[in-house]
Amino acid sequence: MLTRRECRWPIYHTVDQPRRPENGYTRNFSYGNIELSLTHATIGRGKKREKKKSKRALIRCSTKKKIGFVDQILDYIEGGPKLRKWYGAPELLPKDGPIVEDQEEEDYPEDEVRDAVLVTDGDSEIGQMMILSLIIKRTRVKALVKDKRSANEAFGTYVESISGDTSNKVFVKKALRGVRAIICPNEGFLSSIESFKGVEHIVLLSQLFVYRASSGIQAIMKNNQRKLAEKDESVLMASGIPYTIVRAGMLQKTPGGTQGFSFEEGCSASGSLSMEDAASVCVEALEVVPQARFTFEVVNGGEKVSDWKECLTRLIGKTEQ
C-alpha cells in the first residue's frame, strides 16, 4: 500500500491524467456516470475523496425518487392536490393555523369504508376507558381530544386522535370520515353538530335523570350539564339515525366487573354505576343496533350478565311492546 507521501502525485495515474500537475489546476475524474473535480489543494487526499464522494453519489442515485423541498413546493402549487385526488392519495392539509371554511369540503365517496368508532371527549377518564375497551375488541378507533400529543403518547397507533373545533363544519366532516358509529361519554357534543351524514349508530351515555334528581347546591352546580344533556337527547331524537341512550346512575370510581346490574325503570335517578361498567355497557351497546331508537336505564345491581347481546336484545323487545 502506498504511503501518503508516495501517493501525493501519482494518484492521477489511476484516472489517466498527466503526471505533472500544475498549481491551480482542476482535475476531472470520471467513474461511470459520476464526475469528480479535485484541485491541487485536495490532491493529497484525492483517493479518500474519490472513494467518499463516489459512495455519496451512489447513495444519492439509490434514492432518486425522493423529492426535494423546492420540488414539493412546486408540486403543491402547480398541481399536486389535483394529482393526489386523481390517484386517491390523502390531501395534504396545512399543519398550522385553523381550518378555514373556504378549504371546502372535499367530497368523500359515498361508498367509502366505514369501520371506525368515534369516541367524543377522549381525554376524559370514562372516554379513555371506552377507548381501551374498543382496542381490546380490535375496533378501529378515532377519538376527539383536546391534547393530541398526550393522546398519541397514551394510545400510539391504536387510536387516530383528532383535535379541533366541533363547530367547524370542515373539521366535523373530516372527523366523521370512515366513522360508522359514535360513542358520547359526556354531554355537549351532539348539540354542536349539524349533520351526522353516513353515521349508522350513536350511543349516548346520559346522566340526565341524575341531574334532574339533584337538589340544593348540587342542582345549581349541575344546571348547565342538565341543559346540555337535554339538548343532546333532543338532537339525537330528531336526527333520524338509529341511537341508543344509556341512562346511567351516578357514576362511581369503583372497580368494574365485580357487581351485577339492574335495568329497572327509574333506577338511574337513585342508583349508582361503576365508571368502568358504564364504559363497558356503552361499548357492548354498539353491537346491538336498534331499528330506530332504544333507551334504557342501568345501575349496579344483582343481575349477572354473561351475554350482553342477548340482554340488550331482550331490553329492546320490552321497549317496543
C-alpha atoms as a PDB file:
ATOM      1  CA  MET A   1       0.000   0.000   0.000  1.00  0.00           C
ATOM      2  CA  LEU A   2       1.319   3.439  -0.860  1.00  0.00           C
ATOM      3  CA  THR A   3       2.137   5.862   1.879  1.00  0.00           C
ATOM      4  CA  ARG A   4       0.627   9.300   1.991  1.00  0.00           C
ATOM      5  CA  ARG A   5       3.865  10.841   0.686  1.00  0.00           C
ATOM      6  CA  GLU A   6       4.134   8.305  -2.170  1.00  0.00           C
ATOM      7  CA  CYS A   7       0.536   8.731  -3.378  1.00  0.00           C
ATOM      8  CA  ARG A   8       0.508  12.518  -3.352  1.00  0.00           C
ATOM      9  CA  TRP A   9       1.048  12.999  -7.110  1.00  0.00           C
ATOM     10  CA  PRO A  10       0.835   9.510  -8.689  1.00  0.00           C
ATOM     11  CA  ILE A  11      -2.861   9.428  -7.823  1.00  0.00           C
ATOM     12  CA  TYR A  12      -3.518  10.781 -11.334  1.00  0.00           C
ATOM     13  CA  HIS A  13      -2.212   7.616 -12.979  1.00  0.00           C
ATOM     14  CA  THR A  14      -5.312   5.768 -11.832  1.00  0.00           C
ATOM     15  CA  VAL A  15      -7.551   8.029 -13.901  1.00  0.00           C
ATOM     16  CA  ASP A  16      -5.348   8.611 -16.932  1.00  0.00           C
ATOM     17  CA  GLN A  17      -4.374  12.152 -16.023  1.00  0.00           C
ATOM     18  CA  PRO A  18      -0.977  13.816 -16.786  1.00  0.00           C
ATOM     19  CA  ARG A  19       1.766  13.007 -14.314  1.00  0.00           C
ATOM     20  CA  ARG A  20       2.834  16.616 -13.816  1.00  0.00           C
ATOM     21  CA  PRO A  21       0.028  18.693 -12.336  1.00  0.00           C
ATOM     22  CA  GLU A  22       0.433  22.420 -12.072  1.00  0.00           C
ATOM     23  CA  ASN A  23      -0.715  24.657  -9.244  1.00  0.00           C
ATOM     24  CA  GLY A  24      -4.247  25.855  -9.655  1.00  0.00           C
ATOM     25  CA  TYR A  25      -5.233  23.042 -11.969  1.00  0.00           C
ATOM     26  CA  THR A  26      -8.605  21.378 -11.546  1.00  0.00           C
ATOM     27  CA  ARG A  27      -8.563  17.686 -12.348  1.00  0.00           C
ATOM     28  CA  ASN A  28     -11.693  15.946 -13.591  1.00  0.00           C
ATOM     29  CA  PHE A  29     -12.271  12.292 -12.792  1.00  0.00           C
ATOM     30  CA  SER A  30     -14.889  10.015 -14.270  1.00  0.00           C
ATOM     31  CA  TYR A  31     -16.310   6.888 -12.701  1.00  0.00           C
ATOM     32  CA  GLY A  32     -19.187   5.536 -14.727  1.00  0.00           C
ATOM     33  CA  ASN A  33     -21.727   8.345 -14.813  1.00  0.00           C
ATOM     34  CA  ILE A  34     -20.137  10.148 -11.869  1.00  0.00           C
ATOM     35  CA  GLU A  35     -17.793  13.077 -12.380  1.00  0.00           C
ATOM     36  CA  LEU A  36     -15.496  14.468  -9.695  1.00  0.00           C
ATOM     37  CA  SER A  37     -13.342  17.588  -9.650  1.00  0.00           C
ATOM     38  CA  LEU A  38     -10.214  17.923  -7.496  1.00  0.00           C
ATOM     39  CA  THR A  39      -7.949  20.927  -7.231  1.00  0.00           C
ATOM     40  CA  HIS A  40      -4.250  20.972  -6.331  1.00  0.00           C
ATOM     41  CA  ALA A  41      -5.174  21.636  -2.674  1.00  0.00           C
ATOM     42  CA  THR A  42      -7.075  18.380  -2.359  1.00  0.00           C
ATOM     43  CA  ILE A  43      -4.744  16.108  -4.317  1.00  0.00           C
ATOM     44  CA  GLY A  44      -3.021  14.820  -1.211  1.00  0.00           C
ATOM     45  CA  ARG A  45      -6.295  13.213  -0.106  1.00  0.00           C
ATOM     46  CA  GLY A  46      -7.551  12.502  -3.572  1.00  0.00           C
ATOM     47  CA  LYS A  47      -8.039   8.803  -3.138  1.00  0.00           C
ATOM     48  CA  LYS A  48     -10.072   9.190   0.020  1.00  0.00           C
ATOM     49  CA  ARG A  49     -12.103  11.976  -1.525  1.00  0.00           C
ATOM     50  CA  GLU A  50     -12.800   9.930  -4.636  1.00  0.00           C
ATOM     51  CA  LYS A  51     -13.966   6.977  -2.592  1.00  0.00           C
ATOM     52  CA  LYS A  52     -16.064   9.077  -0.257  1.00  0.00           C
ATOM     53  CA  LYS A  53     -17.665  11.154  -2.984  1.00  0.00           C
ATOM     54  CA  SER A  54     -18.363   8.133  -5.149  1.00  0.00           C
ATOM     55  CA  LYS A  55     -20.180   6.475  -2.275  1.00  0.00           C
ATOM     56  CA  ARG A  56     -22.207   9.591  -1.607  1.00  0.00           C
ATOM     57  CA  ALA A  57     -23.149   9.884  -5.273  1.00  0.00           C
ATOM     58  CA  LEU A  58     -24.194   6.247  -5.431  1.00  0.00           C
ATOM     59  CA  ILE A  59     -26.385   6.680  -2.378  1.00  0.00           C
ATOM     60  CA  ARG A  60     -27.981   9.696  -3.984  1.00  0.00           C
ATOM     61  CA  CYS A  61     -28.761   7.625  -7.048  1.00  0.00           C
ATOM     62  CA  SER A  62     -30.373   4.906  -4.947  1.00  0.00           C
ATOM     63  CA  THR A  63     -32.817   7.458  -3.547  1.00  0.00           C
ATOM     64  CA  LYS A  64     -33.568   9.028  -6.868  1.00  0.00           C
ATOM     65  CA  LYS A  65     -37.333   9.126  -6.251  1.00  0.00           C
ATOM     66  CA  LYS A  66     -37.042  11.369  -3.196  1.00  0.00           C
ATOM     67  CA  ILE A  67     -38.494  14.784  -3.956  1.00  0.00           C
ATOM     68  CA  GLY A  68     -36.604  17.828  -2.780  1.00  0.00           C
ATOM     69  CA  PHE A  69     -38.147  20.592  -0.706  1.00  0.00           C
ATOM     70  CA  VAL A  70     -38.411  23.026  -3.634  1.00  0.00           C
ATOM     71  CA  ASP A  71     -39.963  20.347  -5.836  1.00  0.00           C
ATOM     72  CA  GLN A  72     -42.512  19.600  -3.129  1.00  0.00           C
ATOM     73  CA  ILE A  73     -43.494  23.272  -3.005  1.00  0.00           C
ATOM     74  CA  LEU A  74     -43.828  23.425  -6.798  1.00  0.00           C
ATOM     75  CA  ASP A  75     -45.754  20.171  -6.824  1.00  0.00           C
ATOM     76  CA  TYR A  76     -48.208  21.536  -4.292  1.00  0.00           C
ATOM     77  CA  ILE A  77     -48.641  24.912  -6.013  1.00  0.00           C
ATOM     78  CA  GLU A  78     -48.825  23.740  -9.632  1.00  0.00           C
ATOM     79  CA  GLY A  79     -50.982  20.661  -9.394  1.00  0.00           C
ATOM     80  CA  GLY A  80     -50.091  18.396  -6.518  1.00  0.00           C
ATOM     81  CA  PRO A  81     -53.531  18.472  -4.869  1.00  0.00           C
ATOM     82  CA  LYS A  82     -55.261  17.611  -8.119  1.00  0.00           C
ATOM     83  CA  LEU A  83     -52.911  14.703  -8.833  1.00  0.00           C
ATOM     84  CA  ARG A  84     -53.293  13.374  -5.312  1.00  0.00           C
ATOM     85  CA  LYS A  85     -57.063  13.485  -5.680  1.00  0.00           C
ATOM     86  CA  TRP A  86     -56.930  11.645  -9.009  1.00  0.00           C
ATOM     87  CA  TYR A  87     -54.789   8.863  -7.601  1.00  0.00           C
ATOM     88  CA  GLY A  88     -56.660   8.547  -4.335  1.00  0.00           C
ATOM     89  CA  ALA A  89     -53.885   9.773  -2.042  1.00  0.00           C
ATOM     90  CA  PRO A  90     -54.812  11.774   1.052  1.00  0.00           C
ATOM     91  CA  GLU A  91     -54.969  15.534   0.693  1.00  0.00           C
ATOM     92  CA  LEU A  92     -52.113  17.462   2.295  1.00  0.00           C
ATOM     93  CA  LEU A  93     -53.656  19.753   4.890  1.00  0.00           C
ATOM     94  CA  PRO A  94     -51.900  22.732   6.458  1.00  0.00           C
ATOM     95  CA  LYS A  95     -50.106  21.912   9.706  1.00  0.00           C
ATOM     96  CA  ASP A  96     -50.512  25.324  11.283  1.00  0.00           C
ATOM     97  CA  GLY A  97     -53.456  27.617  11.700  1.00  0.00           C
ATOM     98  CA  PRO A  98     -57.176  26.924  11.823  1.00  0.00           C
ATOM     99  CA  ILE A  99     -59.124  25.114   9.152  1.00  0.00           C
ATOM    100  CA  VAL A 100     -60.835  27.752   7.059  1.00  0.00           C
ATOM    101  CA  GLU A 101     -64.346  27.331   5.713  1.00  0.00           C
ATOM    102  CA  ASP A 102     -63.119  28.148   2.208  1.00  0.00           C
ATOM    103  CA  GLN A 103     -60.994  24.980   2.102  1.00  0.00           C
ATOM    104  CA  GLU A 104     -64.243  23.290   1.382  1.00  0.00           C
ATOM    105  CA  GLU A 105     -65.115  20.310   1.707  1.00  0.00           C
ATOM    106  CA  GLU A 106     -63.613  17.573  -0.236  1.00  0.00           C
ATOM    107  CA  ASP A 107     -66.382  15.281  -1.407  1.00  0.00           C
ATOM    108  CA  TYR A 108     -65.830  11.874   0.094  1.00  0.00           C
ATOM    109  CA  PRO A 109     -67.084   8.909  -1.916  1.00  0.00           C
ATOM    110  CA  GLU A 110     -70.471   7.595  -0.897  1.00  0.00           C
ATOM    111  CA  ASP A 111     -69.177   4.028  -0.854  1.00  0.00           C
ATOM    112  CA  GLU A 112     -66.175   4.709   1.404  1.00  0.00           C
ATOM    113  CA  VAL A 113     -65.438   2.072   4.018  1.00  0.00           C
ATOM    114  CA  ARG A 114     -66.965   2.986   7.373  1.00  0.00           C
ATOM    115  CA  ASP A 115     -65.485   0.744  10.040  1.00  0.00           C
ATOM    116  CA  ALA A 116     -64.353   3.196  12.728  1.00  0.00           C
ATOM    117  CA  VAL A 117     -65.923   4.176  16.037  1.00  0.00           C
ATOM    118  CA  LEU A 118     -65.572   7.814  17.077  1.00  0.00           C
ATOM    119  CA  VAL A 119     -65.232   8.448  20.816  1.00  0.00           C
ATOM    120  CA  THR A 120     -66.038  12.033  21.751  1.00  0.00           C
ATOM    121  CA  ASP A 121     -64.273  13.616  24.732  1.00  0.00           C
ATOM    122  CA  GLY A 122     -61.487  11.052  24.546  1.00  0.00           C
ATOM    123  CA  ASP A 123     -59.470  12.993  27.148  1.00  0.00           C
ATOM    124  CA  SER A 124     -61.984  12.272  29.904  1.00  0.00           C
ATOM    125  CA  GLU A 125     -61.492   9.373  32.289  1.00  0.00           C
ATOM    126  CA  ILE A 126     -64.538   7.471  31.114  1.00  0.00           C
ATOM    127  CA  GLY A 127     -63.716   8.287  27.490  1.00  0.00           C
ATOM    128  CA  GLN A 128     -60.312   6.641  27.915  1.00  0.00           C
ATOM    129  CA  MET A 129     -61.991   3.594  29.445  1.00  0.00           C
ATOM    130  CA  MET A 130     -64.217   3.321  26.373  1.00  0.00           C
ATOM    131  CA  ILE A 131     -61.207   3.628  24.083  1.00  0.00           C
ATOM    132  CA  LEU A 132     -59.393   0.815  25.914  1.00  0.00           C
ATOM    133  CA  SER A 133     -62.478  -1.421  25.705  1.00  0.00           C
ATOM    134  CA  LEU A 134     -62.700  -0.790  21.958  1.00  0.00           C
ATOM    135  CA  ILE A 135     -58.990  -1.508  21.471  1.00  0.00           C
ATOM    136  CA  ILE A 136     -59.403  -4.847  23.247  1.00  0.00           C
ATOM    137  CA  LYS A 137     -62.203  -5.664  20.793  1.00  0.00           C
ATOM    138  CA  ARG A 138     -59.829  -4.811  17.916  1.00  0.00           C
ATOM    139  CA  THR A 139     -62.049  -1.965  16.766  1.00  0.00           C
ATOM    140  CA  ARG A 140     -60.699   0.853  14.656  1.00  0.00           C
ATOM    141  CA  VAL A 141     -60.918   3.892  16.949  1.00  0.00           C
ATOM    142  CA  LYS A 142     -60.980   7.617  16.287  1.00  0.00           C
ATOM    143  CA  ALA A 143     -61.056   9.964  19.267  1.00  0.00           C
ATOM    144  CA  LEU A 144     -61.813  13.643  19.699  1.00  0.00           C
ATOM    145  CA  VAL A 145     -59.287  15.027  22.167  1.00  0.00           C
ATOM    146  CA  LYS A 146     -58.061  18.379  23.426  1.00  0.00           C
ATOM    147  CA  ASP A 147     -54.410  17.301  23.761  1.00  0.00           C
ATOM    148  CA  LYS A 148     -53.442  15.327  20.672  1.00  0.00           C
ATOM    149  CA  ARG A 149     -49.831  14.767  21.736  1.00  0.00           C
ATOM    150  CA  SER A 150     -50.817  13.231  25.085  1.00  0.00           C
ATOM    151  CA  ALA A 151     -53.372  11.003  23.374  1.00  0.00           C
ATOM    152  CA  ASN A 152     -50.774   9.784  20.869  1.00  0.00           C
ATOM    153  CA  GLU A 153     -48.354   9.021  23.699  1.00  0.00           C
ATOM    154  CA  ALA A 154     -51.064   7.123  25.596  1.00  0.00           C
ATOM    155  CA  PHE A 155     -52.557   5.047  22.770  1.00  0.00           C
ATOM    156  CA  GLY A 156     -49.988   5.160  19.967  1.00  0.00           C
ATOM    157  CA  THR A 157     -51.137   3.832  16.609  1.00  0.00           C
ATOM    158  CA  TYR A 158     -54.143   2.064  18.103  1.00  0.00           C
ATOM    159  CA  VAL A 159     -56.135   5.314  18.051  1.00  0.00           C
ATOM    160  CA  GLU A 160     -56.448   8.086  15.489  1.00  0.00           C
ATOM    161  CA  SER A 161     -56.552  11.165  17.697  1.00  0.00           C
ATOM    162  CA  ILE A 162     -58.249  14.286  16.325  1.00  0.00           C
ATOM    163  CA  SER A 163     -58.255  17.769  17.781  1.00  0.00           C
ATOM    164  CA  GLY A 164     -60.250  20.745  16.565  1.00  0.00           C
ATOM    165  CA  ASP A 165     -63.327  22.920  16.803  1.00  0.00           C
ATOM    166  CA  THR A 166     -66.553  20.893  16.615  1.00  0.00           C
ATOM    167  CA  SER A 167     -68.450  23.987  15.479  1.00  0.00           C
ATOM    168  CA  ASN A 168     -66.374  23.986  12.267  1.00  0.00           C
ATOM    169  CA  LYS A 169     -68.180  22.065   9.514  1.00  0.00           C
ATOM    170  CA  VAL A 170     -64.986  21.140   7.672  1.00  0.00           C
ATOM    171  CA  PHE A 171     -63.386  19.733  10.820  1.00  0.00           C
ATOM    172  CA  VAL A 172     -66.504  17.738  11.725  1.00  0.00           C
ATOM    173  CA  LYS A 173     -66.700  16.289   8.227  1.00  0.00           C
ATOM    174  CA  LYS A 174     -63.084  15.204   8.478  1.00  0.00           C
ATOM    175  CA  ALA A 175     -63.642  13.730  11.945  1.00  0.00           C
ATOM    176  CA  LEU A 176     -66.629  11.689  10.731  1.00  0.00           C
ATOM    177  CA  ARG A 177     -64.819  10.294   7.704  1.00  0.00           C
ATOM    178  CA  GLY A 178     -64.855   6.497   7.845  1.00  0.00           C
ATOM    179  CA  VAL A 179     -66.957   6.508  11.036  1.00  0.00           C
ATOM    180  CA  ARG A 180     -69.817   4.025  11.341  1.00  0.00           C
ATOM    181  CA  ALA A 181     -70.734   4.728  14.969  1.00  0.00           C
ATOM    182  CA  ILE A 182     -70.252   7.370  17.658  1.00  0.00           C
ATOM    183  CA  ILE A 183     -69.962   6.942  21.426  1.00  0.00           C
ATOM    184  CA  CYS A 184     -70.526  10.032  23.575  1.00  0.00           C
ATOM    185  CA  PRO A 185     -69.252   9.590  27.158  1.00  0.00           C
ATOM    186  CA  ASN A 186     -70.315  13.109  28.148  1.00  0.00           C
ATOM    187  CA  GLU A 187     -72.892  15.692  27.200  1.00  0.00           C
ATOM    188  CA  GLY A 188     -72.299  18.640  24.883  1.00  0.00           C
ATOM    189  CA  PHE A 189     -71.024  17.112  21.636  1.00  0.00           C
ATOM    190  CA  LEU A 190     -74.231  16.193  19.823  1.00  0.00           C
ATOM    191  CA  SER A 191     -75.850  19.588  20.307  1.00  0.00           C
ATOM    192  CA  SER A 192     -72.959  21.276  18.460  1.00  0.00           C
ATOM    193  CA  ILE A 193     -73.168  19.108  15.320  1.00  0.00           C
ATOM    194  CA  GLU A 194     -75.427  19.906  12.378  1.00  0.00           C
ATOM    195  CA  SER A 195     -75.015  16.738  10.322  1.00  0.00           C
ATOM    196  CA  PHE A 196     -74.183  13.093  11.050  1.00  0.00           C
ATOM    197  CA  LYS A 197     -74.182  12.021   7.416  1.00  0.00           C
ATOM    198  CA  GLY A 198     -73.022   8.436   6.978  1.00  0.00           C
ATOM    199  CA  VAL A 199     -73.158   7.510  10.681  1.00  0.00           C
ATOM    200  CA  GLU A 200     -75.148   4.327  11.308  1.00  0.00           C
ATOM    201  CA  HIS A 201     -75.473   4.274  15.105  1.00  0.00           C
ATOM    202  CA  ILE A 202     -74.957   6.692  18.008  1.00  0.00           C
ATOM    203  CA  VAL A 203     -74.553   5.619  21.644  1.00  0.00           C
ATOM    204  CA  LEU A 204     -75.024   8.334  24.262  1.00  0.00           C
ATOM    205  CA  LEU A 205     -74.138   7.872  27.927  1.00  0.00           C
ATOM    206  CA  SER A 206     -76.625  10.145  29.673  1.00  0.00           C
ATOM    207  CA  GLN A 207     -76.918  11.174  33.301  1.00  0.00           C
ATOM    208  CA  LEU A 208     -79.952  13.331  32.700  1.00  0.00           C
ATOM    209  CA  PHE A 209     -82.053  11.584  35.346  1.00  0.00           C
ATOM    210  CA  VAL A 210     -79.241  12.050  37.893  1.00  0.00           C
ATOM    211  CA  TYR A 211     -79.126  15.784  37.160  1.00  0.00           C
ATOM    212  CA  ARG A 212     -82.898  16.096  37.413  1.00  0.00           C
ATOM    213  CA  ALA A 213     -82.913  14.281  40.750  1.00  0.00           C
ATOM    214  CA  SER A 214     -80.333  16.669  42.230  1.00  0.00           C
ATOM    215  CA  SER A 215     -81.436  19.277  44.739  1.00  0.00           C
ATOM    216  CA  GLY A 216     -79.991  22.274  46.566  1.00  0.00           C
ATOM    217  CA  ILE A 217     -76.448  23.293  45.672  1.00  0.00           C
ATOM    218  CA  GLN A 218     -75.950  20.153  43.558  1.00  0.00           C
ATOM    219  CA  ALA A 219     -78.882  21.158  41.369  1.00  0.00           C
ATOM    220  CA  ILE A 220     -77.386  24.618  40.829  1.00  0.00           C
ATOM    221  CA  MET A 221     -73.926  23.209  40.069  1.00  0.00           C
ATOM    222  CA  LYS A 222     -75.291  20.683  37.591  1.00  0.00           C
ATOM    223  CA  ASN A 223     -77.797  23.023  35.940  1.00  0.00           C
ATOM    224  CA  ASN A 224     -75.628  23.643  32.870  1.00  0.00           C
ATOM    225  CA  GLN A 225     -74.872  19.925  32.482  1.00  0.00           C
ATOM    226  CA  ARG A 226     -78.592  19.166  32.710  1.00  0.00           C
ATOM    227  CA  LYS A 227     -79.368  21.637  29.927  1.00  0.00           C
ATOM    228  CA  LEU A 228     -76.652  20.182  27.700  1.00  0.00           C
ATOM    229  CA  ALA A 229     -77.891  16.640  28.353  1.00  0.00           C
ATOM    230  CA  GLU A 230     -81.459  17.629  27.481  1.00  0.00           C
ATOM    231  CA  LYS A 231     -80.313  19.322  24.288  1.00  0.00           C
ATOM    232  CA  ASP A 232     -78.176  16.329  23.289  1.00  0.00           C
ATOM    233  CA  GLU A 233     -81.089  13.947  23.684  1.00  0.00           C
ATOM    234  CA  SER A 234     -83.378  16.268  21.705  1.00  0.00           C
ATOM    235  CA  VAL A 235     -80.863  16.494  18.843  1.00  0.00           C
ATOM    236  CA  LEU A 236     -80.429  12.729  18.865  1.00  0.00           C
ATOM    237  CA  MET A 237     -84.161  12.063  18.739  1.00  0.00           C
ATOM    238  CA  ALA A 238     -84.561  14.411  15.776  1.00  0.00           C
ATOM    239  CA  SER A 239     -81.542  13.093  13.853  1.00  0.00           C
ATOM    240  CA  GLY A 240     -83.264  10.136  12.213  1.00  0.00           C
ATOM    241  CA  ILE A 241     -80.212   7.963  12.958  1.00  0.00           C
ATOM    242  CA  PRO A 242     -80.591   4.746  14.990  1.00  0.00           C
ATOM    243  CA  TYR A 243     -79.478   5.572  18.511  1.00  0.00           C
ATOM    244  CA  THR A 244     -79.067   4.072  21.966  1.00  0.00           C
ATOM    245  CA  ILE A 245     -79.330   6.220  25.085  1.00  0.00           C
ATOM    246  CA  VAL A 246     -77.754   4.586  28.135  1.00  0.00           C
ATOM    247  CA  ARG A 247     -79.254   6.377  31.136  1.00  0.00           C
ATOM    248  CA  ALA A 248     -76.799   5.552  33.890  1.00  0.00           C
ATOM    249  CA  GLY A 249     -76.985   6.185  37.609  1.00  0.00           C
ATOM    250  CA  MET A 250     -74.451   8.293  39.496  1.00  0.00           C
ATOM    251  CA  LEU A 251     -71.028   7.303  38.159  1.00  0.00           C
ATOM    252  CA  GLN A 252     -68.610   5.992  40.785  1.00  0.00           C
ATOM    253  CA  LYS A 253     -64.846   5.427  40.637  1.00  0.00           C
ATOM    254  CA  THR A 254     -65.101   1.817  41.748  1.00  0.00           C
ATOM    255  CA  PRO A 255     -63.682  -1.312  40.071  1.00  0.00           C
ATOM    256  CA  GLY A 256     -65.821  -2.689  37.277  1.00  0.00           C
ATOM    257  CA  GLY A 257     -66.785  -6.277  36.600  1.00  0.00           C
ATOM    258  CA  THR A 258     -67.326  -7.149  40.258  1.00  0.00           C
ATOM    259  CA  GLN A 259     -71.037  -6.344  40.546  1.00  0.00           C
ATOM    260  CA  GLY A 260     -74.185  -7.195  38.666  1.00  0.00           C
ATOM    261  CA  PHE A 261     -76.668  -4.811  37.065  1.00  0.00           C
ATOM    262  CA  SER A 262     -80.213  -3.554  37.333  1.00  0.00           C
ATOM    263  CA  PHE A 263     -82.270  -2.291  34.402  1.00  0.00           C
ATOM    264  CA  GLU A 264     -85.457  -1.368  36.225  1.00  0.00           C
ATOM    265  CA  GLU A 265     -87.317   1.753  35.199  1.00  0.00           C
ATOM    266  CA  GLY A 266     -86.408   4.721  37.392  1.00  0.00           C
ATOM    267  CA  CYS A 267     -83.288   3.099  38.857  1.00  0.00           C
ATOM    268  CA  SER A 268     -80.869   5.667  37.404  1.00  0.00           C
ATOM    269  CA  ALA A 269     -82.291   8.523  39.491  1.00  0.00           C
ATOM    270  CA  SER A 270     -81.253   6.924  42.777  1.00  0.00           C
ATOM    271  CA  GLY A 271     -78.730   4.192  41.950  1.00  0.00           C
ATOM    272  CA  SER A 272     -75.050   4.281  41.039  1.00  0.00           C
ATOM    273  CA  LEU A 273     -72.854   2.651  38.423  1.00  0.00           C
ATOM    274  CA  SER A 274     -69.131   1.978  38.224  1.00  0.00           C
ATOM    275  CA  MET A 275     -67.445   4.099  35.547  1.00  0.00           C
ATOM    276  CA  GLU A 276     -65.721   1.002  34.192  1.00  0.00           C
ATOM    277  CA  ASP A 277     -69.053  -0.797  33.953  1.00  0.00           C
ATOM    278  CA  ALA A 278     -70.640   2.221  32.263  1.00  0.00           C
ATOM    279  CA  ALA A 279     -67.894   2.276  29.636  1.00  0.00           C
ATOM    280  CA  SER A 280     -68.249  -1.464  29.081  1.00  0.00           C
ATOM    281  CA  VAL A 281     -72.041  -1.263  28.700  1.00  0.00           C
ATOM    282  CA  CYS A 282     -71.752   1.508  26.086  1.00  0.00           C
ATOM    283  CA  VAL A 283     -69.196  -0.454  24.069  1.00  0.00           C
ATOM    284  CA  GLU A 284     -71.398  -3.570  24.200  1.00  0.00           C
ATOM    285  CA  ALA A 285     -74.401  -1.485  23.095  1.00  0.00           C
ATOM    286  CA  LEU A 286     -72.528  -0.587  19.894  1.00  0.00           C
ATOM    287  CA  GLU A 287     -73.001  -4.113  18.583  1.00  0.00           C
ATOM    288  CA  VAL A 288     -76.779  -4.121  19.039  1.00  0.00           C
ATOM    289  CA  VAL A 289     -78.175  -1.562  16.607  1.00  0.00           C
ATOM    290  CA  PRO A 290     -81.893  -0.799  17.065  1.00  0.00           C
ATOM    291  CA  GLN A 291     -84.175  -0.187  14.118  1.00  0.00           C
ATOM    292  CA  ALA A 292     -84.770   3.381  15.251  1.00  0.00           C
ATOM    293  CA  ARG A 293     -84.383   4.286  18.929  1.00  0.00           C
ATOM    294  CA  PHE A 294     -83.524   2.483  22.138  1.00  0.00           C
ATOM    295  CA  THR A 295     -83.323   3.943  25.646  1.00  0.00           C
ATOM    296  CA  PHE A 296     -82.677   2.021  28.855  1.00  0.00           C
ATOM    297  CA  GLU A 297     -81.572   2.695  32.414  1.00  0.00           C
ATOM    298  CA  VAL A 298     -78.754   0.857  34.156  1.00  0.00           C
ATOM    299  CA  VAL A 299     -77.133   0.825  37.604  1.00  0.00           C
ATOM    300  CA  ASN A 300     -75.148  -1.741  39.533  1.00  0.00           C
ATOM    301  CA  GLY A 301     -77.399  -4.409  41.000  1.00  0.00           C
ATOM    302  CA  GLY A 302     -77.860  -8.126  41.409  1.00  0.00           C
ATOM    303  CA  GLU A 303     -78.360  -9.326  37.817  1.00  0.00           C
ATOM    304  CA  LYS A 304     -75.303 -11.003  36.307  1.00  0.00           C
ATOM    305  CA  VAL A 305     -74.939 -10.558  32.559  1.00  0.00           C
ATOM    306  CA  SER A 306     -72.929 -13.134  30.614  1.00  0.00           C
ATOM    307  CA  ASP A 307     -74.295 -12.368  27.138  1.00  0.00           C
ATOM    308  CA  TRP A 308     -74.735  -8.666  26.505  1.00  0.00           C
ATOM    309  CA  LYS A 309     -76.122  -9.119  23.013  1.00  0.00           C
ATOM    310  CA  GLU A 310     -78.931 -11.300  24.336  1.00  0.00           C
ATOM    311  CA  CYS A 311     -79.551  -8.958  27.275  1.00  0.00           C
ATOM    312  CA  LEU A 312     -79.775  -5.810  25.161  1.00  0.00           C
ATOM    313  CA  THR A 313     -81.906  -7.512  22.511  1.00  0.00           C
ATOM    314  CA  ARG A 314     -84.326  -8.515  25.273  1.00  0.00           C
ATOM    315  CA  LEU A 315     -84.446  -4.936  26.569  1.00  0.00           C
ATOM    316  CA  ILE A 316     -85.125  -3.624  23.053  1.00  0.00           C
ATOM    317  CA  GLY A 317     -88.021  -6.063  22.794  1.00  0.00           C
ATOM    318  CA  LYS A 318     -89.505  -4.703  26.028  1.00  0.00           C
ATOM    319  CA  THR A 319     -89.335  -1.079  24.862  1.00  0.00           C
ATOM    320  CA  GLU A 320     -91.062  -1.952  21.583  1.00  0.00           C
ATOM    321  CA  GLN A 321     -94.021  -3.626  23.293  1.00  0.00           C
END
